[in-house]
């Protein structure tokens, strides 16, 4: 499930947690846009989050930040939320050509453009290799992300950091490598 929404509070978090837990029992991988406040999610959470009210963590959940095409030190989109323990992976999210209500196409930017990129990779893997579980697909996407250990401008423009420290993978989703890994894993199970 692609989730391109978020907010700074969750008045009924336990109900959201129940829905997430139910989806996971049905083999669903939850993929969520990290938000567009340029904030470190360690100090400014964007709900829903993969951390449940009881302190547990939803394992089949991927939190996605946005990258930009504006150059190496601007790899992270200026608006993207980030966090080494809160964001899992980054994906293109600036000037993405997308459909719009009423028909047609427009260029849009946001983590709501980046999350569908990761959702698309997950859908590709699951459709070609239906024996893969949601946990397999998450692991493949995170393990095959292209690591970038470069210094970047922090979202919001206040300071610099190593890109590798802005998410758990320190990487950008890589559909080709994910597909190769999925093929190897699915092939080894036959």
C-alpha atoms as a PDB file:
ATOM      1  CA  UNK A   1       0.000   0.000   0.000  1.00  0.00           C
ATOM      2  CA  UNK A   2       1.403   3.375  -1.009  1.00  0.00           C
ATOM      3  CA  UNK A   3       0.693   5.963   1.682  1.00  0.00           C
ATOM      4  CA  UNK A   4       1.312   9.507   0.503  1.00  0.00           C
ATOM      5  CA  UNK A   5      -0.114  11.392   3.459  1.00  0.00           C
ATOM      6  CA  UNK A   6       0.994  12.500   6.872  1.00  0.00           C
ATOM      7  CA  UNK A   7       0.534  14.927   9.723  1.00  0.00           C
ATOM      8  CA  UNK A   8       2.249  16.002  12.913  1.00  0.00           C
ATOM      9  CA  UNK A   9      -0.191  14.282  15.275  1.00  0.00           C
ATOM     10  CA  UNK A  10      -2.353  11.167  15.374  1.00  0.00           C
ATOM     11  CA  UNK A  11      -5.411  11.451  17.641  1.00  0.00           C
ATOM     12  CA  UNK A  12      -6.440   7.820  17.009  1.00  0.00           C
ATOM     13  CA  UNK A  13      -3.017   6.200  16.605  1.00  0.00           C
ATOM     14  CA  UNK A  14      -4.189   2.890  18.084  1.00  0.00           C
ATOM     15  CA  UNK A  15      -6.802   2.560  15.300  1.00  0.00           C
ATOM     16  CA  UNK A  16      -4.194   3.318  12.646  1.00  0.00           C
ATOM     17  CA  UNK A  17      -1.902   0.751  14.267  1.00  0.00           C
ATOM     18  CA  UNK A  18      -4.690  -1.843  14.134  1.00  0.00           C
ATOM     19  CA  UNK A  19      -5.191  -1.182  10.418  1.00  0.00           C
ATOM     20  CA  UNK A  20      -1.444  -1.454   9.740  1.00  0.00           C
ATOM     21  CA  UNK A  21      -1.194  -4.686  11.735  1.00  0.00           C
ATOM     22  CA  UNK A  22      -4.166  -6.146   9.853  1.00  0.00           C
ATOM     23  CA  UNK A  23      -2.660  -5.249   6.466  1.00  0.00           C
ATOM     24  CA  UNK A  24       0.638  -6.856   7.429  1.00  0.00           C
ATOM     25  CA  UNK A  25      -1.149 -10.098   8.411  1.00  0.00           C
ATOM     26  CA  UNK A  26      -2.491 -10.164   4.845  1.00  0.00           C
ATOM     27  CA  UNK A  27       1.012  -9.985   3.336  1.00  0.00           C
ATOM     28  CA  UNK A  28       0.922  -6.280   2.555  1.00  0.00           C
ATOM     29  CA  UNK A  29       4.016  -4.077   2.434  1.00  0.00           C
ATOM     30  CA  UNK A  30       3.281  -0.547   3.682  1.00  0.00           C
ATOM     31  CA  UNK A  31       5.226   2.243   1.976  1.00  0.00           C
ATOM     32  CA  UNK A  32       4.906   5.741   3.447  1.00  0.00           C
ATOM     33  CA  UNK A  33       6.042   9.201   2.319  1.00  0.00           C
ATOM     34  CA  UNK A  34       8.199  10.685   5.097  1.00  0.00           C
ATOM     35  CA  UNK A  35       6.812  14.222   4.738  1.00  0.00           C
ATOM     36  CA  UNK A  36       7.857  17.575   3.336  1.00  0.00           C
ATOM     37  CA  UNK A  37       8.827  19.698   6.323  1.00  0.00           C
ATOM     38  CA  UNK A  38      12.609  19.326   5.897  1.00  0.00           C
ATOM     39  CA  UNK A  39      12.664  17.919   9.426  1.00  0.00           C
ATOM     40  CA  UNK A  40      14.553  15.224  11.292  1.00  0.00           C
ATOM     41  CA  UNK A  41      11.864  12.689  12.163  1.00  0.00           C
ATOM     42  CA  UNK A  42      13.725  11.842  15.369  1.00  0.00           C
ATOM     43  CA  UNK A  43      12.502  15.148  16.777  1.00  0.00           C
ATOM     44  CA  UNK A  44       9.427  15.880  14.628  1.00  0.00           C
ATOM     45  CA  UNK A  45       7.484  12.696  13.783  1.00  0.00           C
ATOM     46  CA  UNK A  46       5.221  12.515  10.742  1.00  0.00           C
ATOM     47  CA  UNK A  47       2.215  10.274  11.390  1.00  0.00           C
ATOM     48  CA  UNK A  48       1.429   7.554  10.644  1.00  0.00           C
ATOM     49  CA  UNK A  49       4.706   6.048  11.791  1.00  0.00           C
ATOM     50  CA  UNK A  50       6.007   2.473  11.823  1.00  0.00           C
ATOM     51  CA  UNK A  51       6.312   2.709  15.612  1.00  0.00           C
ATOM     52  CA  UNK A  52       3.164   1.461  17.315  1.00  0.00           C
ATOM     53  CA  UNK A  53       1.585   2.901  20.455  1.00  0.00           C
ATOM     54  CA  UNK A  54       2.884  -0.111  22.408  1.00  0.00           C
ATOM     55  CA  UNK A  55       6.459   0.676  21.308  1.00  0.00           C
ATOM     56  CA  UNK A  56       6.626  -2.163  18.794  1.00  0.00           C
ATOM     57  CA  UNK A  57       7.651  -1.559  15.206  1.00  0.00           C
ATOM     58  CA  UNK A  58       5.804  -2.653  12.068  1.00  0.00           C
ATOM     59  CA  UNK A  59       8.345  -4.747  10.195  1.00  0.00           C
ATOM     60  CA  UNK A  60       6.708  -4.612   6.763  1.00  0.00           C
ATOM     61  CA  UNK A  61       6.866  -0.803   6.489  1.00  0.00           C
ATOM     62  CA  UNK A  62       9.202   1.344   4.387  1.00  0.00           C
ATOM     63  CA  UNK A  63       9.543   5.076   5.109  1.00  0.00           C
ATOM     64  CA  UNK A  64      10.646   7.043   2.021  1.00  0.00           C
ATOM     65  CA  UNK A  65      12.462  10.361   1.681  1.00  0.00           C
ATOM     66  CA  UNK A  66      12.877  12.328  -1.553  1.00  0.00           C
ATOM     67  CA  UNK A  67      15.951  12.994  -3.660  1.00  0.00           C
ATOM     68  CA  UNK A  68      16.584  15.776  -6.128  1.00  0.00           C
ATOM     69  CA  UNK A  69      18.408  15.942  -9.447  1.00  0.00           C
ATOM     70  CA  UNK A  70      19.978  19.322  -8.580  1.00  0.00           C
ATOM     71  CA  UNK A  71      23.528  18.077  -7.987  1.00  0.00           C
ATOM     72  CA  UNK A  72      25.594  16.045  -5.552  1.00  0.00           C
ATOM     73  CA  UNK A  73      25.366  18.288  -2.500  1.00  0.00           C
ATOM     74  CA  UNK A  74      21.653  18.792  -3.221  1.00  0.00           C
ATOM     75  CA  UNK A  75      20.962  15.050  -3.544  1.00  0.00           C
ATOM     76  CA  UNK A  76      18.367  15.261  -0.770  1.00  0.00           C
ATOM     77  CA  UNK A  77      15.330  17.299  -1.780  1.00  0.00           C
ATOM     78  CA  UNK A  78      15.275  20.580   0.129  1.00  0.00           C
ATOM     79  CA  UNK A  79      11.858  19.748   1.622  1.00  0.00           C
ATOM     80  CA  UNK A  80      12.309  16.055   2.460  1.00  0.00           C
ATOM     81  CA  UNK A  81      12.039  14.766   5.996  1.00  0.00           C
ATOM     82  CA  UNK A  82      14.918  12.520   7.024  1.00  0.00           C
ATOM     83  CA  UNK A  83      16.240  10.495   9.943  1.00  0.00           C
ATOM     84  CA  UNK A  84      18.722   7.668  10.323  1.00  0.00           C
ATOM     85  CA  UNK A  85      16.294   5.642  12.418  1.00  0.00           C
ATOM     86  CA  UNK A  86      13.063   6.916  10.851  1.00  0.00           C
ATOM     87  CA  UNK A  87      13.583   6.998   7.062  1.00  0.00           C
ATOM     88  CA  UNK A  88      14.566   3.763   5.333  1.00  0.00           C
ATOM     89  CA  UNK A  89      15.454   4.815   1.805  1.00  0.00           C
ATOM     90  CA  UNK A  90      15.282   7.754  -0.580  1.00  0.00           C
ATOM     91  CA  UNK A  91      13.777   7.892  -4.087  1.00  0.00           C
ATOM     92  CA  UNK A  92      13.386  10.556  -6.796  1.00  0.00           C
ATOM     93  CA  UNK A  93      10.858  13.160  -5.664  1.00  0.00           C
ATOM     94  CA  UNK A  94      11.572  16.432  -7.493  1.00  0.00           C
ATOM     95  CA  UNK A  95       9.909  17.452 -10.766  1.00  0.00           C
ATOM     96  CA  UNK A  96       8.248  14.059 -11.241  1.00  0.00           C
ATOM     97  CA  UNK A  97       5.836  13.925 -14.171  1.00  0.00           C
ATOM     98  CA  UNK A  98       2.559  12.607 -12.782  1.00  0.00           C
ATOM     99  CA  UNK A  99      -1.113  12.409 -13.595  1.00  0.00           C
ATOM    100  CA  UNK A 100      -3.361  15.062 -12.085  1.00  0.00           C
ATOM    101  CA  UNK A 101      -7.067  15.199 -11.236  1.00  0.00           C
ATOM    102  CA  UNK A 102      -9.154  16.114 -14.249  1.00  0.00           C
ATOM    103  CA  UNK A 103      -6.718  14.484 -16.667  1.00  0.00           C
ATOM    104  CA  UNK A 104      -3.342  15.367 -18.023  1.00  0.00           C
ATOM    105  CA  UNK A 105       0.114  15.540 -16.503  1.00  0.00           C
ATOM    106  CA  UNK A 106       2.090  17.983 -14.400  1.00  0.00           C
ATOM    107  CA  UNK A 107       5.488  18.042 -12.749  1.00  0.00           C
ATOM    108  CA  UNK A 108       5.162  17.693  -8.991  1.00  0.00           C
ATOM    109  CA  UNK A 109       7.616  17.479  -6.114  1.00  0.00           C
ATOM    110  CA  UNK A 110       7.301  15.870  -2.698  1.00  0.00           C
ATOM    111  CA  UNK A 111       7.844  12.687  -0.788  1.00  0.00           C
ATOM    112  CA  UNK A 112       4.393  11.826  -2.159  1.00  0.00           C
ATOM    113  CA  UNK A 113       6.162  11.529  -5.514  1.00  0.00           C
ATOM    114  CA  UNK A 114       9.039   9.490  -4.040  1.00  0.00           C
ATOM    115  CA  UNK A 115       6.970   6.893  -2.155  1.00  0.00           C
ATOM    116  CA  UNK A 116       5.201   5.708  -5.344  1.00  0.00           C
ATOM    117  CA  UNK A 117       8.609   5.069  -6.933  1.00  0.00           C
ATOM    118  CA  UNK A 118       9.385   2.619  -4.128  1.00  0.00           C
ATOM    119  CA  UNK A 119       5.837   1.228  -4.297  1.00  0.00           C
ATOM    120  CA  UNK A 120       6.344   0.644  -8.017  1.00  0.00           C
ATOM    121  CA  UNK A 121       9.566  -1.264  -7.386  1.00  0.00           C
ATOM    122  CA  UNK A 122       7.779  -3.364  -4.744  1.00  0.00           C
ATOM    123  CA  UNK A 123       4.900  -4.062  -7.149  1.00  0.00           C
ATOM    124  CA  UNK A 124       7.349  -5.055  -9.887  1.00  0.00           C
ATOM    125  CA  UNK A 125       9.114  -7.524  -7.594  1.00  0.00           C
ATOM    126  CA  UNK A 126       5.874  -8.996  -6.256  1.00  0.00           C
ATOM    127  CA  UNK A 127       4.346  -9.367  -9.715  1.00  0.00           C
ATOM    128  CA  UNK A 128       7.370 -11.080 -11.272  1.00  0.00           C
ATOM    129  CA  UNK A 129       8.204 -13.163  -8.205  1.00  0.00           C
ATOM    130  CA  UNK A 130       4.948 -13.906  -6.344  1.00  0.00           C
ATOM    131  CA  UNK A 131       6.719 -16.320  -3.989  1.00  0.00           C
ATOM    132  CA  UNK A 132       8.422 -13.343  -2.320  1.00  0.00           C
ATOM    133  CA  UNK A 133       6.876 -12.169   0.929  1.00  0.00           C
ATOM    134  CA  UNK A 134       6.433  -8.536   1.942  1.00  0.00           C
ATOM    135  CA  UNK A 135       9.396  -9.012   4.298  1.00  0.00           C
ATOM    136  CA  UNK A 136      11.491 -10.358   1.397  1.00  0.00           C
ATOM    137  CA  UNK A 137      10.595  -7.392  -0.790  1.00  0.00           C
ATOM    138  CA  UNK A 138      11.402  -4.881   1.939  1.00  0.00           C
ATOM    139  CA  UNK A 139      14.751  -6.534   2.612  1.00  0.00           C
ATOM    140  CA  UNK A 140      15.583  -6.608  -1.116  1.00  0.00           C
ATOM    141  CA  UNK A 141      14.690  -2.934  -1.631  1.00  0.00           C
ATOM    142  CA  UNK A 142      16.717  -1.801   1.374  1.00  0.00           C
ATOM    143  CA  UNK A 143      19.730  -4.047   0.754  1.00  0.00           C
ATOM    144  CA  UNK A 144      20.035  -3.073  -2.915  1.00  0.00           C
ATOM    145  CA  UNK A 145      19.687   0.685  -2.452  1.00  0.00           C
ATOM    146  CA  UNK A 146      22.584   2.592  -3.993  1.00  0.00           C
ATOM    147  CA  UNK A 147      24.635   3.892  -1.069  1.00  0.00           C
ATOM    148  CA  UNK A 148      25.901   7.447  -1.331  1.00  0.00           C
ATOM    149  CA  UNK A 149      28.404   8.531   1.297  1.00  0.00           C
ATOM    150  CA  UNK A 150      28.688  12.154   0.221  1.00  0.00           C
ATOM    151  CA  UNK A 151      28.210  15.416   2.048  1.00  0.00           C
ATOM    152  CA  UNK A 152      24.865  17.050   1.281  1.00  0.00           C
ATOM    153  CA  UNK A 153      22.956  20.150   2.261  1.00  0.00           C
ATOM    154  CA  UNK A 154      20.457  19.250   4.971  1.00  0.00           C
ATOM    155  CA  UNK A 155      16.818  19.692   3.981  1.00  0.00           C
ATOM    156  CA  UNK A 156      15.714  23.139   5.061  1.00  0.00           C
ATOM    157  CA  UNK A 157      19.185  24.451   4.153  1.00  0.00           C
ATOM    158  CA  UNK A 158      20.525  24.594   7.704  1.00  0.00           C
ATOM    159  CA  UNK A 159      23.844  22.807   7.709  1.00  0.00           C
ATOM    160  CA  UNK A 160      25.392  19.831   6.015  1.00  0.00           C
ATOM    161  CA  UNK A 161      25.511  16.112   6.758  1.00  0.00           C
ATOM    162  CA  UNK A 162      26.656  12.836   5.250  1.00  0.00           C
ATOM    163  CA  UNK A 163      23.881  11.431   3.075  1.00  0.00           C
ATOM    164  CA  UNK A 164      24.608   8.015   4.615  1.00  0.00           C
ATOM    165  CA  UNK A 165      23.367   9.333   7.982  1.00  0.00           C
ATOM    166  CA  UNK A 166      19.976  10.572   6.762  1.00  0.00           C
ATOM    167  CA  UNK A 167      18.307   7.156   6.443  1.00  0.00           C
ATOM    168  CA  UNK A 168      18.836   3.628   7.698  1.00  0.00           C
ATOM    169  CA  UNK A 169      20.235   2.514   4.333  1.00  0.00           C
ATOM    170  CA  UNK A 170      22.072   5.689   3.396  1.00  0.00           C
ATOM    171  CA  UNK A 171      20.858   4.974  -0.108  1.00  0.00           C
ATOM    172  CA  UNK A 172      18.565   5.627  -3.040  1.00  0.00           C
ATOM    173  CA  UNK A 173      16.216   2.907  -4.302  1.00  0.00           C
ATOM    174  CA  UNK A 174      17.692   0.921  -7.210  1.00  0.00           C
ATOM    175  CA  UNK A 175      15.045  -0.926  -9.240  1.00  0.00           C
ATOM    176  CA  UNK A 176      17.558  -2.795 -11.407  1.00  0.00           C
ATOM    177  CA  UNK A 177      19.565  -4.187  -8.500  1.00  0.00           C
ATOM    178  CA  UNK A 178      16.364  -5.022  -6.610  1.00  0.00           C
ATOM    179  CA  UNK A 179      15.072  -6.997  -9.589  1.00  0.00           C
ATOM    180  CA  UNK A 180      18.383  -8.859  -9.921  1.00  0.00           C
ATOM    181  CA  UNK A 181      18.365  -9.747  -6.210  1.00  0.00           C
ATOM    182  CA  UNK A 182      14.715 -10.842  -6.336  1.00  0.00           C
ATOM    183  CA  UNK A 183      15.467 -13.103  -9.292  1.00  0.00           C
ATOM    184  CA  UNK A 184      18.350 -14.730  -7.417  1.00  0.00           C
ATOM    185  CA  UNK A 185      16.291 -15.260  -4.256  1.00  0.00           C
ATOM    186  CA  UNK A 186      13.216 -16.579  -6.056  1.00  0.00           C
ATOM    187  CA  UNK A 187      15.394 -18.832  -8.223  1.00  0.00           C
ATOM    188  CA  UNK A 188      17.120 -20.322  -5.191  1.00  0.00           C
ATOM    189  CA  UNK A 189      13.738 -21.339  -3.746  1.00  0.00           C
ATOM    190  CA  UNK A 190      12.711 -23.475  -6.717  1.00  0.00           C
END
